[in-house]
Amino acid sequence: MKLFKPLYERALRWSMHPRAEPLLAVLSFVEAILFPVMPEVMLGPMVLARPRRWARLATVSLVFSVLGALVGYALGHYAFEWMRPLFESLGWMESIDRQVSELSEVAKRSPWSAFWVLVIAGLLPIPLKIFTWASGIVGVPLLPFVASMIVGRGKRVYLLAGAIRLAGPRAEAALHRWIEWIGWGVLIALALTILYFKFLH
């Protein structure tokens, strides 16, 4: 059964929509707060459709991800107890509690130590919202927090957009051919990452 190829082709059609850029901005913003779908799912096809705008599209995604991260930070800092029942219903509390504990220990040593933890977190296939809320709960200083969001998320979106821009039509042909394998591979990698952090780390 083909699952990822139809989704990819639909995303590619959406990326040609006249309002695709605002939709990318909205997705990037809400993903850093609550939404489970990463903006790269839309960014990749948009760069394939408009390769000359790769830097602009990556910048839009980055800027709105950082703005969303600031909202997530503020909610974690001021509204965590009020939102706890929602997180418990979503099954996020274990991850949030773990990140809060780790960040608290790191932040005690140095605010800029937290910067490196968050930069690494921005490169992992773990929802960004977990780290934005945890940072707000712990009270990580804003300057290291914002810097880490820019570096961590920036690497992801610019590397993705730049690689697709350089590969051009070859990237689209390769994605059409291998999208099922790539999609299932990403799911397996994500599952293994979750299992590692849950049971072995």
Protein backbone atom coordinates (compact mmCIF):
# COMPACT_ATOMS: atom_id res chain seq x y z
CA MET A 1 0.00 0.00 0.00
CA LYS A 2 1.39 3.39 -1.01
CA LEU A 3 1.12 5.93 1.77
CA PHE A 4 3.77 8.61 1.34
CA LYS A 5 3.76 9.16 -2.42
CA PRO A 6 0.13 10.43 -2.57
CA LEU A 7 0.81 12.69 0.44
CA TYR A 8 3.97 14.02 -1.19
CA GLU A 9 2.21 14.74 -4.49
CA ARG A 10 -0.58 16.55 -2.63
CA ALA A 11 1.96 18.63 -0.70
CA LEU A 12 3.65 19.48 -4.01
CA ARG A 13 0.32 20.72 -5.39
CA TRP A 14 -0.29 22.80 -2.26
CA SER A 15 3.19 24.30 -2.59
CA MET A 16 2.14 25.84 -5.92
CA HIS A 17 -0.85 27.56 -4.31
CA PRO A 18 -0.72 31.40 -4.37
CA ARG A 19 -1.04 31.43 -0.55
CA ALA A 20 1.55 28.71 0.02
CA GLU A 21 4.04 31.08 1.66
CA PRO A 22 1.60 32.36 4.32
CA LEU A 23 0.54 28.76 4.96
CA LEU A 24 4.20 27.81 5.50
CA ALA A 25 4.54 30.71 7.95
CA VAL A 26 1.45 29.62 9.89
CA LEU A 27 2.58 25.98 9.98
CA SER A 28 6.06 26.97 11.18
CA PHE A 29 4.58 29.20 13.89
CA VAL A 30 2.03 26.78 15.34
CA GLU A 31 4.39 23.75 15.12
CA ALA A 32 6.68 25.41 17.67
CA ILE A 33 3.74 25.77 20.08
CA LEU A 34 1.37 22.84 19.70
CA PHE A 35 0.96 21.42 16.17
CA PRO A 36 2.57 17.97 15.54
CA VAL A 37 3.49 18.35 11.82
CA MET A 38 6.99 19.71 11.09
CA PRO A 39 7.17 22.62 8.58
CA GLU A 40 9.81 20.78 6.52
CA VAL A 41 6.94 18.65 5.16
CA MET A 42 5.72 21.73 3.28
CA LEU A 43 9.06 23.53 2.86
CA GLY A 44 10.63 20.73 0.78
CA PRO A 45 7.95 20.63 -1.94
CA MET A 46 7.77 24.44 -2.00
CA VAL A 47 11.50 24.68 -2.76
CA LEU A 48 11.09 22.05 -5.49
CA ALA A 49 8.28 24.10 -7.01
CA ARG A 50 10.12 27.45 -6.66
CA PRO A 51 13.85 26.67 -6.40
CA ARG A 52 15.00 30.27 -6.89
CA ARG A 53 13.16 31.28 -3.72
CA TRP A 54 14.79 28.63 -1.52
CA ALA A 55 16.51 31.13 0.80
CA ARG A 56 13.37 33.25 1.19
CA LEU A 57 11.23 30.20 1.97
CA ALA A 58 13.73 28.87 4.50
CA THR A 59 13.89 32.32 6.13
CA VAL A 60 10.09 32.53 6.37
CA SER A 61 9.98 29.13 8.05
CA LEU A 62 12.81 30.03 10.43
CA VAL A 63 11.44 33.45 11.44
CA PHE A 64 7.98 32.12 12.22
CA SER A 65 9.38 29.08 13.99
CA VAL A 66 11.34 31.40 16.29
CA LEU A 67 8.27 33.57 16.88
CA GLY A 68 6.26 30.45 17.71
CA ALA A 69 9.05 29.26 20.00
CA LEU A 70 8.81 32.54 21.93
CA VAL A 71 5.07 32.00 22.38
CA GLY A 72 5.71 28.41 23.53
CA TYR A 73 8.34 29.71 25.95
CA ALA A 74 5.92 32.29 27.37
CA LEU A 75 3.16 29.70 27.74
CA GLY A 76 5.56 27.34 29.48
CA HIS A 77 6.64 30.10 31.83
CA TYR A 78 3.24 31.56 32.66
CA ALA A 79 0.56 28.99 31.81
CA PHE A 80 2.11 25.55 32.33
CA GLU A 81 -0.02 24.48 35.29
CA TRP A 82 -3.18 25.59 33.51
CA MET A 83 -2.19 23.61 30.38
CA ARG A 84 -0.98 20.49 32.24
CA PRO A 85 -4.27 18.53 31.76
CA LEU A 86 -4.04 19.08 27.98
CA PHE A 87 -0.45 17.84 27.86
CA GLU A 88 -1.35 14.82 29.96
CA SER A 89 -4.17 13.97 27.53
CA LEU A 90 -1.73 14.30 24.61
CA GLY A 91 0.83 12.09 26.33
CA TRP A 92 3.51 14.82 26.38
CA MET A 93 4.03 15.13 30.12
CA GLU A 94 6.71 12.44 30.36
CA SER A 95 8.79 14.14 27.66
CA ILE A 96 8.25 17.60 29.13
CA ASP A 97 9.13 16.46 32.66
CA ARG A 98 12.31 14.80 31.38
CA GLN A 99 13.39 17.88 29.42
CA VAL A 100 12.57 20.18 32.35
CA SER A 101 14.73 18.06 34.65
CA GLU A 102 17.66 17.96 32.21
CA LEU A 103 17.44 21.66 31.37
CA SER A 104 17.24 22.59 35.05
CA GLU A 105 20.50 20.78 35.75
CA VAL A 106 22.19 22.32 32.71
CA ALA A 107 20.91 25.85 33.43
CA LYS A 108 22.29 25.67 36.98
CA ARG A 109 25.79 25.29 35.55
CA SER A 110 25.55 28.03 32.91
CA PRO A 111 22.80 29.65 30.81
CA TRP A 112 24.93 29.10 27.70
CA SER A 113 25.19 25.39 28.47
CA ALA A 114 21.44 25.29 27.87
CA PHE A 115 22.12 26.94 24.50
CA TRP A 116 24.07 23.89 23.28
CA VAL A 117 21.47 21.46 24.57
CA LEU A 118 18.75 23.34 22.68
CA VAL A 119 20.85 23.63 19.50
CA ILE A 120 21.27 19.86 19.44
CA ALA A 121 17.56 19.45 20.18
CA GLY A 122 16.73 21.60 17.14
CA LEU A 123 18.48 19.06 14.90
CA LEU A 124 16.73 15.98 16.29
CA PRO A 125 13.45 14.53 14.99
CA ILE A 126 11.76 15.51 18.26
CA PRO A 127 8.86 18.01 18.30
CA LEU A 128 10.22 21.52 18.88
CA LYS A 129 7.31 22.38 21.18
CA ILE A 130 8.66 20.02 23.87
CA PHE A 131 11.81 22.14 24.17
CA THR A 132 10.10 25.54 23.90
CA TRP A 133 7.69 24.74 26.74
CA ALA A 134 10.44 23.11 28.84
CA SER A 135 12.67 26.18 28.39
CA GLY A 136 9.89 28.46 29.59
CA ILE A 137 9.14 26.27 32.58
CA VAL A 138 12.81 26.20 33.60
CA GLY A 139 13.31 29.89 32.85
CA VAL A 140 16.23 29.55 30.44
CA PRO A 141 17.46 33.14 29.78
CA LEU A 142 15.91 34.56 26.63
CA LEU A 143 19.12 35.40 24.78
CA PRO A 144 20.54 31.83 24.83
CA PHE A 145 17.06 30.47 24.13
CA VAL A 146 16.45 32.62 21.03
CA ALA A 147 20.00 32.05 19.77
CA SER A 148 19.59 28.28 20.11
CA MET A 149 16.28 28.34 18.22
CA ILE A 150 17.85 30.33 15.38
CA VAL A 151 20.89 28.06 15.09
CA GLY A 152 19.15 24.72 15.68
CA ARG A 153 16.10 25.26 13.47
CA GLY A 154 18.05 27.41 11.00
CA LYS A 155 20.43 24.57 10.22
CA ARG A 156 17.55 22.25 9.49
CA VAL A 157 15.57 24.50 7.17
CA TYR A 158 18.54 26.03 5.31
CA LEU A 159 20.30 22.69 4.81
CA LEU A 160 17.09 21.12 3.53
CA ALA A 161 16.18 24.01 1.24
CA GLY A 162 19.76 24.43 -0.01
CA ALA A 163 20.19 20.73 -0.75
CA ILE A 164 16.94 20.62 -2.72
CA ARG A 165 17.90 23.81 -4.58
CA LEU A 166 21.27 22.36 -5.61
CA ALA A 167 19.84 19.02 -6.66
CA GLY A 168 17.01 20.65 -8.63
CA PRO A 169 14.95 18.35 -10.85
CA ARG A 170 17.09 15.39 -9.80
CA ALA A 171 15.80 15.81 -6.25
CA GLU A 172 12.20 15.75 -7.43
CA ALA A 173 12.81 12.65 -9.57
CA ALA A 174 14.60 10.91 -6.69
CA LEU A 175 11.84 11.82 -4.24
CA HIS A 176 9.14 10.50 -6.57
CA ARG A 177 11.05 7.26 -6.93
CA TRP A 178 12.10 6.72 -3.32
CA ILE A 179 9.48 8.60 -1.29
CA GLU A 180 7.93 5.42 0.14
CA TRP A 181 11.30 4.11 1.35
CA ILE A 182 12.27 7.53 2.71
CA GLY A 183 8.94 7.98 4.49
CA TRP A 184 9.03 4.59 6.17
CA GLY A 185 12.71 5.06 6.98
CA VAL A 186 11.98 8.35 8.75
CA LEU A 187 9.17 6.73 10.74
CA ILE A 188 11.44 3.86 11.80
CA ALA A 189 14.22 6.29 12.76
CA LEU A 190 11.76 8.36 14.80
CA ALA A 191 10.43 5.25 16.55
CA LEU A 192 13.97 4.11 17.39
CA THR A 193 14.82 7.59 18.72
CA ILE A 194 11.74 7.57 20.96
CA LEU A 195 12.57 4.07 22.21
CA TYR A 196 16.16 5.10 22.91
CA PHE A 197 15.17 8.12 24.99
CA LYS A 198 12.35 6.24 26.71
CA PHE A 199 14.11 3.01 27.68
CA LEU A 200 17.87 3.31 27.24
CA HIS A 201 18.92 6.92 27.83
